[in-house]
C-alpha cells in the first residue's frame, strides 16, 4: 500500500507535513496507472480521476477547504489553509452509466 499526496501547491505540501501525514509519494500530478488496490490518494482531484482511483480499489481522501471567493487563484500557505479549515474527507466516487 502506498500513500500518495497529490498537489502542485507548496503550501499544501507544507500543510500535510505540519499535520504529520505519513506520505510515501508527493506528486504534482497523478497517473492513475500507478495506483493499486489499497493505495490511499490524498489531494484535490478532478472527479473523473477520483472515480478512476476508486474504481481501482484505492481510497480517495479529498483535501477540502472553505475558501473565500476572493482567495481563489492565489497560492496559499499552510497557515492560510489552516485558516480556511483545511481538512481531509474520504469519498468513494464512481461514474454512473457507460
C-alpha atoms as a PDB file:
ATOM      1  CA  UNK A   1       0.000   0.000   0.000  1.00  0.00           C
ATOM      2  CA  UNK A   2       1.257   3.451  -0.988  1.00  0.00           C
ATOM      3  CA  UNK A   3       0.006   6.805   0.276  1.00  0.00           C
ATOM      4  CA  UNK A   4       0.131   9.497  -2.405  1.00  0.00           C
ATOM      5  CA  UNK A   5      -0.265  13.214  -1.717  1.00  0.00           C
ATOM      6  CA  UNK A   6      -1.189  14.949  -4.962  1.00  0.00           C
ATOM      7  CA  UNK A   7      -0.784  18.722  -5.186  1.00  0.00           C
ATOM      8  CA  UNK A   8       1.221  21.189  -7.224  1.00  0.00           C
ATOM      9  CA  UNK A   9       0.997  23.735  -4.377  1.00  0.00           C
ATOM     10  CA  UNK A  10       3.913  24.096  -1.930  1.00  0.00           C
ATOM     11  CA  UNK A  11       1.541  25.378   0.776  1.00  0.00           C
ATOM     12  CA  UNK A  12      -0.498  22.170   0.573  1.00  0.00           C
ATOM     13  CA  UNK A  13       2.633  20.042   0.944  1.00  0.00           C
ATOM     14  CA  UNK A  14       3.707  22.156   3.922  1.00  0.00           C
ATOM     15  CA  UNK A  15       0.222  21.790   5.444  1.00  0.00           C
ATOM     16  CA  UNK A  16       0.371  17.994   5.040  1.00  0.00           C
ATOM     17  CA  UNK A  17       3.776  17.886   6.691  1.00  0.00           C
ATOM     18  CA  UNK A  18       2.550  20.081   9.570  1.00  0.00           C
ATOM     19  CA  UNK A  19      -0.347  17.629  10.072  1.00  0.00           C
ATOM     20  CA  UNK A  20       2.118  14.774  10.401  1.00  0.00           C
ATOM     21  CA  UNK A  21       0.657  12.897   7.429  1.00  0.00           C
ATOM     22  CA  UNK A  22       2.631   9.814   6.524  1.00  0.00           C
ATOM     23  CA  UNK A  23       3.118  10.186   2.773  1.00  0.00           C
ATOM     24  CA  UNK A  24       5.096   7.807   0.585  1.00  0.00           C
ATOM     25  CA  UNK A  25       4.904   9.805  -2.648  1.00  0.00           C
ATOM     26  CA  UNK A  26       4.387  13.539  -3.145  1.00  0.00           C
ATOM     27  CA  UNK A  27       3.253  14.258  -6.721  1.00  0.00           C
ATOM     28  CA  UNK A  28       2.225  17.341  -8.679  1.00  0.00           C
ATOM     29  CA  UNK A  29       0.058  15.178 -10.972  1.00  0.00           C
ATOM     30  CA  UNK A  30      -1.327  11.671 -10.606  1.00  0.00           C
ATOM     31  CA  UNK A  31      -1.096   8.998 -13.275  1.00  0.00           C
ATOM     32  CA  UNK A  32      -3.943   6.582 -12.467  1.00  0.00           C
ATOM     33  CA  UNK A  33      -1.882   3.753 -13.983  1.00  0.00           C
ATOM     34  CA  UNK A  34       0.412   3.991 -10.927  1.00  0.00           C
ATOM     35  CA  UNK A  35      -2.454   3.377  -8.483  1.00  0.00           C
ATOM     36  CA  UNK A  36      -3.022  -0.058  -6.990  1.00  0.00           C
ATOM     37  CA  UNK A  37      -5.826  -1.512  -4.882  1.00  0.00           C
ATOM     38  CA  UNK A  38      -5.359  -0.492  -1.256  1.00  0.00           C
ATOM     39  CA  UNK A  39      -3.434   2.704  -2.058  1.00  0.00           C
ATOM     40  CA  UNK A  40      -4.516   5.980  -0.469  1.00  0.00           C
ATOM     41  CA  UNK A  41      -4.694   9.062  -2.678  1.00  0.00           C
ATOM     42  CA  UNK A  42      -4.848  12.399  -0.836  1.00  0.00           C
ATOM     43  CA  UNK A  43      -5.448  15.638  -2.719  1.00  0.00           C
ATOM     44  CA  UNK A  44      -7.943  17.625  -4.734  1.00  0.00           C
ATOM     45  CA  UNK A  45      -8.571  15.565  -7.832  1.00  0.00           C
ATOM     46  CA  UNK A  46     -10.950  16.218 -10.715  1.00  0.00           C
ATOM     47  CA  UNK A  47     -13.997  13.987 -10.344  1.00  0.00           C
ATOM     48  CA  UNK A  48     -13.020  11.736 -13.291  1.00  0.00           C
ATOM     49  CA  UNK A  49      -9.620  10.988 -11.701  1.00  0.00           C
ATOM     50  CA  UNK A  50     -11.208  10.429  -8.280  1.00  0.00           C
ATOM     51  CA  UNK A  51     -13.579   7.927  -9.919  1.00  0.00           C
ATOM     52  CA  UNK A  52     -10.660   6.181 -11.653  1.00  0.00           C
ATOM     53  CA  UNK A  53      -8.813   5.879  -8.342  1.00  0.00           C
ATOM     54  CA  UNK A  54     -11.852   4.435  -6.578  1.00  0.00           C
ATOM     55  CA  UNK A  55     -12.606   2.009  -9.430  1.00  0.00           C
ATOM     56  CA  UNK A  56      -9.114   0.551  -8.958  1.00  0.00           C
ATOM     57  CA  UNK A  57      -9.806  -0.245  -5.309  1.00  0.00           C
ATOM     58  CA  UNK A  58      -7.840   2.683  -3.886  1.00  0.00           C
ATOM     59  CA  UNK A  59      -9.148   5.180  -1.324  1.00  0.00           C
ATOM     60  CA  UNK A  60      -9.642   8.846  -2.258  1.00  0.00           C
ATOM     61  CA  UNK A  61      -9.187  11.354   0.557  1.00  0.00           C
ATOM     62  CA  UNK A  62     -10.117  14.861  -0.516  1.00  0.00           C
ATOM     63  CA  UNK A  63      -8.250  17.910   0.782  1.00  0.00           C
ATOM     64  CA  UNK A  64     -11.205  20.210   1.497  1.00  0.00           C
ATOM     65  CA  UNK A  65     -11.098  23.954   2.193  1.00  0.00           C
ATOM     66  CA  UNK A  66     -13.690  26.617   2.947  1.00  0.00           C
ATOM     67  CA  UNK A  67     -12.073  29.100   0.591  1.00  0.00           C
ATOM     68  CA  UNK A  68     -13.390  32.670   0.390  1.00  0.00           C
ATOM     69  CA  UNK A  69     -14.228  33.562  -3.237  1.00  0.00           C
ATOM     70  CA  UNK A  70     -11.654  36.360  -3.353  1.00  0.00           C
ATOM     71  CA  UNK A  71      -8.888  33.893  -2.369  1.00  0.00           C
ATOM     72  CA  UNK A  72      -9.449  31.669  -5.418  1.00  0.00           C
ATOM     73  CA  UNK A  73      -6.474  31.508  -7.766  1.00  0.00           C
ATOM     74  CA  UNK A  74      -3.891  32.605  -5.211  1.00  0.00           C
ATOM     75  CA  UNK A  75      -1.163  30.474  -3.680  1.00  0.00           C
ATOM     76  CA  UNK A  76      -1.999  29.568  -0.098  1.00  0.00           C
ATOM     77  CA  UNK A  77       0.479  28.969   2.679  1.00  0.00           C
ATOM     78  CA  UNK A  78      -0.002  26.219   5.237  1.00  0.00           C
ATOM     79  CA  UNK A  79      -1.263  28.907   7.644  1.00  0.00           C
ATOM     80  CA  UNK A  80      -3.740  30.180   5.027  1.00  0.00           C
ATOM     81  CA  UNK A  81      -5.006  26.643   4.561  1.00  0.00           C
ATOM     82  CA  UNK A  82      -5.461  26.181   8.295  1.00  0.00           C
ATOM     83  CA  UNK A  83      -7.363  29.484   8.416  1.00  0.00           C
ATOM     84  CA  UNK A  84      -9.675  28.112   5.699  1.00  0.00           C
ATOM     85  CA  UNK A  85     -10.429  24.998   7.737  1.00  0.00           C
ATOM     86  CA  UNK A  86      -8.299  22.584   5.703  1.00  0.00           C
ATOM     87  CA  UNK A  87      -9.319  19.024   6.439  1.00  0.00           C
ATOM     88  CA  UNK A  88      -9.297  15.552   4.943  1.00  0.00           C
ATOM     89  CA  UNK A  89     -12.585  13.931   3.896  1.00  0.00           C
ATOM     90  CA  UNK A  90     -12.759  10.452   2.380  1.00  0.00           C
ATOM     91  CA  UNK A  91     -15.016   9.896  -0.649  1.00  0.00           C
ATOM     92  CA  UNK A  92     -15.986   6.956  -2.805  1.00  0.00           C
ATOM     93  CA  UNK A  93     -16.568   8.273  -6.325  1.00  0.00           C
ATOM     94  CA  UNK A  94     -17.960   6.256  -9.198  1.00  0.00           C
ATOM     95  CA  UNK A  95     -19.027   7.039 -12.726  1.00  0.00           C
ATOM     96  CA  UNK A  96     -22.679   6.291 -13.417  1.00  0.00           C
ATOM     97  CA  UNK A  97     -23.517   4.588 -16.701  1.00  0.00           C
ATOM     98  CA  UNK A  98     -21.139   3.960 -19.547  1.00  0.00           C
END
